[in-house]
Amino acid sequence: MKELDRVILLTDLPADGLARGDVGTIVHAYKDGEAFEVEFFTLNGRTLAVATVEAAHLRPVNDHDVVHTRELHPA
């Protein structure tokens, strides 16, 4: 995985309002790809969160992935 790749979150990150399956874009790679700064956004393009995520909690998007939505509920 590298900068500007789309990735899928493999675990919930409740502190950031993120759920398993959310799709984001890598905006920065740390220490040989051990972790990444990932921007997650709504389908309208509004940034939902920018989170530091360990590589083990991400996977790259592949040809068999389908976009699925979940509605955010205000806290």
C-alpha atoms as a PDB file:
ATOM      1  CA  MET A   1       0.000   0.000   0.000  1.00  0.00           C
ATOM      2  CA  LYS A   2       1.226   3.479  -0.803  1.00  0.00           C
ATOM      3  CA  GLU A   3       0.117   7.105  -0.798  1.00  0.00           C
ATOM      4  CA  LEU A   4      -3.103   7.787  -2.741  1.00  0.00           C
ATOM      5  CA  ASP A   5      -4.181   4.126  -2.690  1.00  0.00           C
ATOM      6  CA  ARG A   6      -7.760   3.460  -1.647  1.00  0.00           C
ATOM      7  CA  VAL A   7      -7.966   1.115   1.318  1.00  0.00           C
ATOM      8  CA  ILE A   8     -10.603  -0.637   3.393  1.00  0.00           C
ATOM      9  CA  LEU A   9     -10.661  -0.503   7.179  1.00  0.00           C
ATOM     10  CA  LEU A  10     -10.615  -3.976   8.762  1.00  0.00           C
ATOM     11  CA  THR A  11     -11.594  -2.945  12.290  1.00  0.00           C
ATOM     12  CA  ASP A  12     -13.840  -0.390  13.982  1.00  0.00           C
ATOM     13  CA  LEU A  13     -12.187   2.836  15.169  1.00  0.00           C
ATOM     14  CA  PRO A  14     -14.980   4.269  17.355  1.00  0.00           C
ATOM     15  CA  ALA A  15     -12.886   7.185  18.636  1.00  0.00           C
ATOM     16  CA  ASP A  16     -12.719   8.432  15.027  1.00  0.00           C
ATOM     17  CA  GLY A  17     -16.318   7.509  14.150  1.00  0.00           C
ATOM     18  CA  LEU A  18     -15.100   4.827  11.743  1.00  0.00           C
ATOM     19  CA  ALA A  19     -16.431   1.313  11.180  1.00  0.00           C
ATOM     20  CA  ARG A  20     -15.047  -1.851   9.639  1.00  0.00           C
ATOM     21  CA  GLY A  21     -15.534  -1.678   5.872  1.00  0.00           C
ATOM     22  CA  ASP A  22     -15.158   2.108   5.593  1.00  0.00           C
ATOM     23  CA  VAL A  23     -13.130   3.148   2.543  1.00  0.00           C
ATOM     24  CA  GLY A  24     -10.379   5.746   2.748  1.00  0.00           C
ATOM     25  CA  THR A  25      -7.398   7.111   0.869  1.00  0.00           C
ATOM     26  CA  ILE A  26      -3.830   6.908   2.148  1.00  0.00           C
ATOM     27  CA  VAL A  27      -2.431  10.420   2.433  1.00  0.00           C
ATOM     28  CA  HIS A  28       0.864   9.557   4.166  1.00  0.00           C
ATOM     29  CA  ALA A  29       2.924   6.417   4.825  1.00  0.00           C
ATOM     30  CA  TYR A  30       4.903   6.030   8.072  1.00  0.00           C
ATOM     31  CA  LYS A  31       8.078   4.011   8.661  1.00  0.00           C
ATOM     32  CA  ASP A  32       8.224   1.673   5.684  1.00  0.00           C
ATOM     33  CA  GLY A  33       4.469   1.137   5.581  1.00  0.00           C
ATOM     34  CA  GLU A  34       3.976   0.045   9.209  1.00  0.00           C
ATOM     35  CA  ALA A  35       1.184   2.622   9.552  1.00  0.00           C
ATOM     36  CA  PHE A  36      -0.645   5.095   7.362  1.00  0.00           C
ATOM     37  CA  GLU A  37      -2.449   8.394   7.671  1.00  0.00           C
ATOM     38  CA  VAL A  38      -5.789   7.699   5.978  1.00  0.00           C
ATOM     39  CA  GLU A  39      -8.510  10.179   5.029  1.00  0.00           C
ATOM     40  CA  PHE A  40     -12.050   8.832   5.270  1.00  0.00           C
ATOM     41  CA  PHE A  41     -14.853  10.805   3.670  1.00  0.00           C
ATOM     42  CA  THR A  42     -18.560  10.737   2.888  1.00  0.00           C
ATOM     43  CA  LEU A  43     -19.770   9.977  -0.631  1.00  0.00           C
ATOM     44  CA  ASN A  44     -20.357  13.725  -1.063  1.00  0.00           C
ATOM     45  CA  GLY A  45     -16.651  14.346  -0.444  1.00  0.00           C
ATOM     46  CA  ARG A  46     -16.828  15.740   3.112  1.00  0.00           C
ATOM     47  CA  THR A  47     -13.909  14.592   5.243  1.00  0.00           C
ATOM     48  CA  LEU A  48     -15.175  12.367   8.027  1.00  0.00           C
ATOM     49  CA  ALA A  49     -11.830  11.674   9.704  1.00  0.00           C
ATOM     50  CA  VAL A  50      -8.103  11.580   9.142  1.00  0.00           C
ATOM     51  CA  ALA A  51      -6.715   8.728  11.217  1.00  0.00           C
ATOM     52  CA  THR A  52      -3.385   7.015  11.757  1.00  0.00           C
ATOM     53  CA  VAL A  53      -4.023   3.329  11.118  1.00  0.00           C
ATOM     54  CA  GLU A  54      -1.643   0.376  11.454  1.00  0.00           C
ATOM     55  CA  ALA A  55      -1.101  -1.552   8.228  1.00  0.00           C
ATOM     56  CA  ALA A  56      -2.594  -4.708   9.806  1.00  0.00           C
ATOM     57  CA  HIS A  57      -5.944  -2.878  10.103  1.00  0.00           C
ATOM     58  CA  LEU A  58      -6.140  -2.009   6.387  1.00  0.00           C
ATOM     59  CA  ARG A  59      -6.317  -3.802   3.092  1.00  0.00           C
ATOM     60  CA  PRO A  60      -6.144  -2.465  -0.435  1.00  0.00           C
ATOM     61  CA  VAL A  61      -9.298  -2.169  -2.530  1.00  0.00           C
ATOM     62  CA  ASN A  62      -9.608  -4.976  -5.085  1.00  0.00           C
ATOM     63  CA  ASP A  63     -11.663  -5.761  -8.194  1.00  0.00           C
ATOM     64  CA  HIS A  64     -14.266  -7.673  -6.168  1.00  0.00           C
ATOM     65  CA  ASP A  65     -15.153  -4.833  -3.753  1.00  0.00           C
ATOM     66  CA  VAL A  66     -18.497  -3.054  -3.969  1.00  0.00           C
ATOM     67  CA  VAL A  67     -19.263   0.314  -2.362  1.00  0.00           C
ATOM     68  CA  HIS A  68     -21.831  -0.017   0.424  1.00  0.00           C
ATOM     69  CA  THR A  69     -23.219   2.833   2.481  1.00  0.00           C
ATOM     70  CA  ARG A  70     -23.984   3.407   6.136  1.00  0.00           C
ATOM     71  CA  GLU A  71     -25.675   6.530   7.429  1.00  0.00           C
ATOM     72  CA  LEU A  72     -23.875   8.637  10.015  1.00  0.00           C
ATOM     73  CA  HIS A  73     -25.859   9.642  13.053  1.00  0.00           C
ATOM     74  CA  PRO A  74     -24.911  12.871  14.833  1.00  0.00           C
ATOM     75  CA  ALA A  75     -23.534  12.372  18.333  1.00  0.00           C
END
